[in-house]
Structure formats: structure tokens, C-alpha cells
């Protein structure tokens, strides 16, 4: 399951620039013509280096949402709708 974020500076829940380093294991299948198809990729290790809000540019006000709050139906919908309405004004 992917990590969800919230920007506490502007309320953004949907747009973030994420810088990450990953170590993966994958099956490389080359065709006779030399074209590569990467299959069965598994992430062995992942380090999130920085998360930046795409709306306001803040990297210090980003909060990682718990799986419980991200999984609750409608838990974030009100905040996201309020932010979207404010952005249109």
C-alpha cells in the first residue's frame, strides 16, 4: 500500500514531489531484437529522502498519514474539497 501525505501548510492531500532511492530485484527479458521488458520487479529497500508539496512548495509541513486515518471513508474528503474550493476562488 502506498504512503499518503498531507501538507499542513496548505491542506494538500493529492500532489507531492517524492524523492526516493530504491533497491530492486527484477527479471530482465530481452527480445531477439534486443528490446528490454522488465518483469517481476520487487522492491527490496526504499528510502524516502524528501517529500515536497506541489501546491505550496513546503517540505517542512508534510505529514505522513497513518493507515487508519487514510483508510477511513470520507476522512480526508472534506479537507480536500475545502482546499479545492479555496483554490478555485
N, C-alpha and C. Protein backbone atom coordinates (compact mmCIF):
# COMPACT_ATOMS: atom_id res chain seq x y z
N UNK A 1 0.84 -1.18 0.00
CA UNK A 1 0.00 0.00 0.00
C UNK A 1 0.88 1.24 0.00
N UNK A 2 0.53 2.21 -0.81
CA UNK A 2 1.31 3.44 -0.93
C UNK A 2 1.11 4.34 0.29
N UNK A 3 2.11 5.13 0.58
CA UNK A 3 2.05 6.07 1.69
C UNK A 3 1.26 7.29 1.27
N UNK A 4 0.39 7.78 2.14
CA UNK A 4 -0.37 9.02 1.88
C UNK A 4 0.26 10.14 2.68
N UNK A 5 0.20 11.34 2.11
CA UNK A 5 0.77 12.51 2.76
C UNK A 5 -0.26 13.62 2.86
N UNK A 6 -0.02 14.56 3.78
CA UNK A 6 -0.82 15.77 3.91
C UNK A 6 0.14 16.93 4.15
N UNK A 7 -0.11 18.04 3.46
CA UNK A 7 0.67 19.25 3.71
C UNK A 7 -0.09 20.08 4.74
N UNK A 8 0.49 20.29 5.90
CA UNK A 8 -0.16 21.07 6.94
C UNK A 8 -0.07 22.57 6.69
N UNK A 9 0.72 22.99 5.69
CA UNK A 9 0.82 24.41 5.36
C UNK A 9 -0.38 24.86 4.51
N UNK A 10 -0.81 24.01 3.56
CA UNK A 10 -1.90 24.42 2.66
C UNK A 10 -3.08 23.45 2.62
N UNK A 11 -2.94 22.26 3.22
CA UNK A 11 -4.02 21.28 3.23
C UNK A 11 -4.01 20.29 2.09
N UNK A 12 -3.04 20.37 1.20
CA UNK A 12 -2.95 19.47 0.05
C UNK A 12 -2.89 18.01 0.49
N UNK A 13 -3.67 17.17 -0.19
CA UNK A 13 -3.67 15.73 0.07
C UNK A 13 -3.32 14.92 -1.17
N UNK A 14 -3.12 15.58 -2.31
CA UNK A 14 -3.07 14.82 -3.56
C UNK A 14 -1.84 15.02 -4.42
N UNK A 15 -1.06 16.07 -4.25
CA UNK A 15 0.05 16.35 -5.17
C UNK A 15 1.35 16.60 -4.42
N UNK A 16 2.30 15.67 -4.58
CA UNK A 16 3.59 15.78 -3.89
C UNK A 16 4.72 15.33 -4.81
N UNK A 17 5.87 15.97 -4.67
CA UNK A 17 7.09 15.51 -5.32
C UNK A 17 7.82 14.67 -4.29
N UNK A 18 8.10 13.41 -4.62
CA UNK A 18 8.74 12.49 -3.69
C UNK A 18 10.08 12.05 -4.29
N UNK A 19 11.16 12.31 -3.54
CA UNK A 19 12.49 11.86 -3.94
C UNK A 19 12.78 10.60 -3.13
N UNK A 20 13.03 9.49 -3.85
CA UNK A 20 13.25 8.21 -3.18
C UNK A 20 14.40 7.45 -3.84
N UNK A 21 15.08 6.65 -3.04
CA UNK A 21 16.11 5.74 -3.54
C UNK A 21 15.59 4.33 -3.29
N UNK A 22 15.61 3.52 -4.35
CA UNK A 22 15.10 2.15 -4.24
C UNK A 22 16.16 1.14 -4.68
N UNK A 23 16.17 0.01 -3.97
CA UNK A 23 16.97 -1.14 -4.38
C UNK A 23 15.97 -2.21 -4.78
N UNK A 24 16.06 -2.69 -6.02
CA UNK A 24 15.06 -3.62 -6.54
C UNK A 24 15.70 -4.88 -7.11
N UNK A 25 14.87 -5.90 -7.21
CA UNK A 25 15.24 -7.12 -7.90
C UNK A 25 14.20 -7.30 -9.00
N UNK A 26 14.66 -7.54 -10.23
CA UNK A 26 13.71 -7.68 -11.33
C UNK A 26 14.23 -8.67 -12.37
N UNK A 27 13.30 -9.21 -13.13
CA UNK A 27 13.62 -10.13 -14.21
C UNK A 27 13.68 -9.32 -15.50
N UNK A 28 14.83 -9.32 -16.17
CA UNK A 28 15.00 -8.62 -17.44
C UNK A 28 14.86 -9.61 -18.58
N UNK A 29 13.87 -9.36 -19.42
CA UNK A 29 13.59 -10.23 -20.57
C UNK A 29 13.87 -9.44 -21.84
N UNK A 30 14.88 -9.86 -22.57
CA UNK A 30 15.24 -9.21 -23.82
C UNK A 30 14.65 -10.00 -24.99
N UNK A 31 14.06 -9.29 -25.95
CA UNK A 31 13.58 -9.95 -27.16
C UNK A 31 14.77 -10.27 -28.05
N UNK A 32 14.54 -11.05 -29.07
CA UNK A 32 15.60 -11.38 -30.03
C UNK A 32 16.12 -10.10 -30.69
N UNK A 33 15.24 -9.11 -30.84
CA UNK A 33 15.62 -7.81 -31.42
C UNK A 33 16.33 -6.89 -30.45
N UNK A 34 16.47 -7.31 -29.19
CA UNK A 34 17.20 -6.53 -28.20
C UNK A 34 16.34 -5.60 -27.36
N UNK A 35 15.01 -5.65 -27.51
CA UNK A 35 14.14 -4.79 -26.72
C UNK A 35 13.96 -5.37 -25.32
N UNK A 36 14.12 -4.51 -24.31
CA UNK A 36 14.04 -4.94 -22.91
C UNK A 36 12.62 -4.82 -22.38
N UNK A 37 12.18 -5.87 -21.69
CA UNK A 37 10.93 -5.86 -20.94
C UNK A 37 11.28 -6.23 -19.50
N UNK A 38 11.01 -5.32 -18.54
CA UNK A 38 11.29 -5.58 -17.14
C UNK A 38 10.04 -6.19 -16.52
N UNK A 39 10.21 -7.36 -15.91
CA UNK A 39 9.08 -8.09 -15.32
C UNK A 39 9.40 -8.46 -13.88
N UNK A 40 8.37 -8.71 -13.11
CA UNK A 40 8.51 -9.21 -11.73
C UNK A 40 9.45 -8.36 -10.89
N UNK A 41 9.25 -7.05 -10.89
CA UNK A 41 10.09 -6.17 -10.08
C UNK A 41 9.62 -6.18 -8.64
N UNK A 42 10.56 -6.39 -7.73
CA UNK A 42 10.29 -6.42 -6.29
C UNK A 42 11.18 -5.37 -5.63
N UNK A 43 10.58 -4.52 -4.79
CA UNK A 43 11.35 -3.51 -4.06
C UNK A 43 11.93 -4.17 -2.82
N UNK A 44 13.25 -4.22 -2.74
CA UNK A 44 13.95 -4.82 -1.61
C UNK A 44 14.17 -3.81 -0.49
N UNK A 45 14.41 -2.55 -0.87
CA UNK A 45 14.64 -1.49 0.11
C UNK A 45 14.24 -0.17 -0.53
N UNK A 46 13.65 0.72 0.27
CA UNK A 46 13.26 2.04 -0.23
C UNK A 46 13.52 3.08 0.85
N UNK A 47 14.17 4.14 0.47
CA UNK A 47 14.45 5.25 1.37
C UNK A 47 13.78 6.50 0.80
N UNK A 48 12.82 7.07 1.51
CA UNK A 48 12.21 8.32 1.10
C UNK A 48 13.11 9.44 1.61
N UNK A 49 13.67 10.22 0.69
CA UNK A 49 14.61 11.26 1.05
C UNK A 49 13.94 12.60 1.30
N UNK A 50 12.94 12.94 0.48
CA UNK A 50 12.27 14.23 0.65
C UNK A 50 10.88 14.17 0.04
N UNK A 51 9.92 14.82 0.69
CA UNK A 51 8.57 14.97 0.16
C UNK A 51 8.28 16.47 0.17
N UNK A 52 7.89 17.00 -1.00
CA UNK A 52 7.61 18.42 -1.14
C UNK A 52 6.20 18.61 -1.69
N UNK A 53 5.46 19.54 -1.12
CA UNK A 53 4.11 19.84 -1.59
C UNK A 53 4.18 20.49 -2.96
N UNK A 54 3.42 19.99 -3.90
CA UNK A 54 3.41 20.53 -5.25
C UNK A 54 2.64 21.85 -5.31
N UNK A 55 1.73 22.08 -4.36
CA UNK A 55 0.92 23.30 -4.37
C UNK A 55 1.66 24.50 -3.78
N UNK A 56 2.26 24.33 -2.60
CA UNK A 56 2.87 25.49 -1.93
C UNK A 56 4.39 25.41 -1.83
N UNK A 57 4.98 24.25 -2.18
CA UNK A 57 6.44 24.11 -2.16
C UNK A 57 7.03 23.77 -0.81
N UNK A 58 6.20 23.59 0.20
CA UNK A 58 6.71 23.29 1.54
C UNK A 58 7.22 21.86 1.63
N UNK A 59 8.37 21.71 2.27
CA UNK A 59 8.90 20.37 2.56
C UNK A 59 8.91 20.12 4.06
N UNK A 60 8.71 21.16 4.84
CA UNK A 60 8.78 21.05 6.30
C UNK A 60 7.43 20.76 6.94
N UNK A 61 6.33 21.02 6.22
CA UNK A 61 5.00 20.86 6.81
C UNK A 61 4.31 19.58 6.36
N UNK A 62 5.06 18.64 5.79
CA UNK A 62 4.48 17.41 5.27
C UNK A 62 4.34 16.40 6.39
N UNK A 63 3.17 15.79 6.45
CA UNK A 63 2.89 14.77 7.46
C UNK A 63 2.51 13.47 6.74
N UNK A 64 3.05 12.38 7.21
CA UNK A 64 2.69 11.06 6.69
C UNK A 64 1.42 10.62 7.42
N UNK A 65 0.38 10.31 6.65
CA UNK A 65 -0.88 9.90 7.26
C UNK A 65 -0.80 8.45 7.71
N UNK A 66 -1.40 8.17 8.85
CA UNK A 66 -1.45 6.79 9.33
C UNK A 66 -2.38 6.00 8.43
N UNK A 67 -2.19 4.71 8.35
CA UNK A 67 -3.07 3.87 7.53
C UNK A 67 -4.51 3.94 8.02
N UNK A 68 -4.71 4.10 9.33
CA UNK A 68 -6.06 4.18 9.89
C UNK A 68 -6.79 5.41 9.38
N UNK A 69 -6.15 6.59 9.45
CA UNK A 69 -6.82 7.81 9.01
C UNK A 69 -6.98 7.84 7.51
N UNK A 70 -6.05 7.25 6.76
CA UNK A 70 -6.15 7.23 5.30
C UNK A 70 -7.21 6.23 4.84
N UNK A 71 -7.49 5.21 5.66
CA UNK A 71 -8.44 4.18 5.26
C UNK A 71 -9.88 4.50 5.63
N UNK A 72 -10.08 5.46 6.53
CA UNK A 72 -11.44 5.80 6.94
C UNK A 72 -12.19 6.46 5.79
N UNK A 73 -13.38 5.93 5.44
CA UNK A 73 -14.12 6.54 4.34
C UNK A 73 -14.51 7.97 4.67
N UNK A 74 -14.19 8.89 3.77
CA UNK A 74 -14.55 10.29 3.94
C UNK A 74 -13.69 11.05 4.94
N UNK A 75 -12.67 10.42 5.48
CA UNK A 75 -11.85 11.08 6.50
C UNK A 75 -11.14 12.30 5.93
N UNK A 76 -10.67 12.21 4.68
CA UNK A 76 -9.94 13.31 4.07
C UNK A 76 -10.78 14.07 3.06
N UNK A 77 -11.95 13.57 2.70
CA UNK A 77 -12.73 14.16 1.63
C UNK A 77 -13.13 15.60 1.92
N UNK A 78 -13.54 15.89 3.15
CA UNK A 78 -13.95 17.25 3.49
C UNK A 78 -12.80 18.22 3.35
N UNK A 79 -11.64 17.88 3.87
CA UNK A 79 -10.48 18.75 3.78
C UNK A 79 -10.09 18.96 2.34
N UNK A 80 -10.07 17.90 1.54
CA UNK A 80 -9.66 18.01 0.14
C UNK A 80 -10.65 18.89 -0.63
N UNK A 81 -11.95 18.73 -0.38
CA UNK A 81 -12.95 19.54 -1.06
C UNK A 81 -12.84 21.00 -0.66
N UNK A 82 -12.57 21.28 0.62
CA UNK A 82 -12.39 22.65 1.06
C UNK A 82 -11.19 23.30 0.39
N UNK A 83 -10.10 22.56 0.26
CA UNK A 83 -8.89 23.09 -0.37
C UNK A 83 -9.16 23.34 -1.85
N UNK A 84 -9.85 22.40 -2.52
CA UNK A 84 -10.15 22.56 -3.94
C UNK A 84 -11.03 23.77 -4.18
N UNK A 85 -12.01 24.01 -3.30
CA UNK A 85 -12.89 25.16 -3.42
C UNK A 85 -12.11 26.45 -3.22
N UNK A 86 -11.22 26.46 -2.23
CA UNK A 86 -10.41 27.65 -1.97
C UNK A 86 -9.47 27.94 -3.11
N UNK A 87 -8.94 26.90 -3.75
CA UNK A 87 -8.00 27.08 -4.86
C UNK A 87 -8.70 27.68 -6.07
N UNK A 88 -9.99 27.42 -6.23
CA UNK A 88 -10.74 27.94 -7.37
C UNK A 88 -11.12 29.40 -7.17
N UNK A 89 -11.13 29.88 -5.92
CA UNK A 89 -11.55 31.25 -5.62
C UNK A 89 -10.52 32.26 -6.04
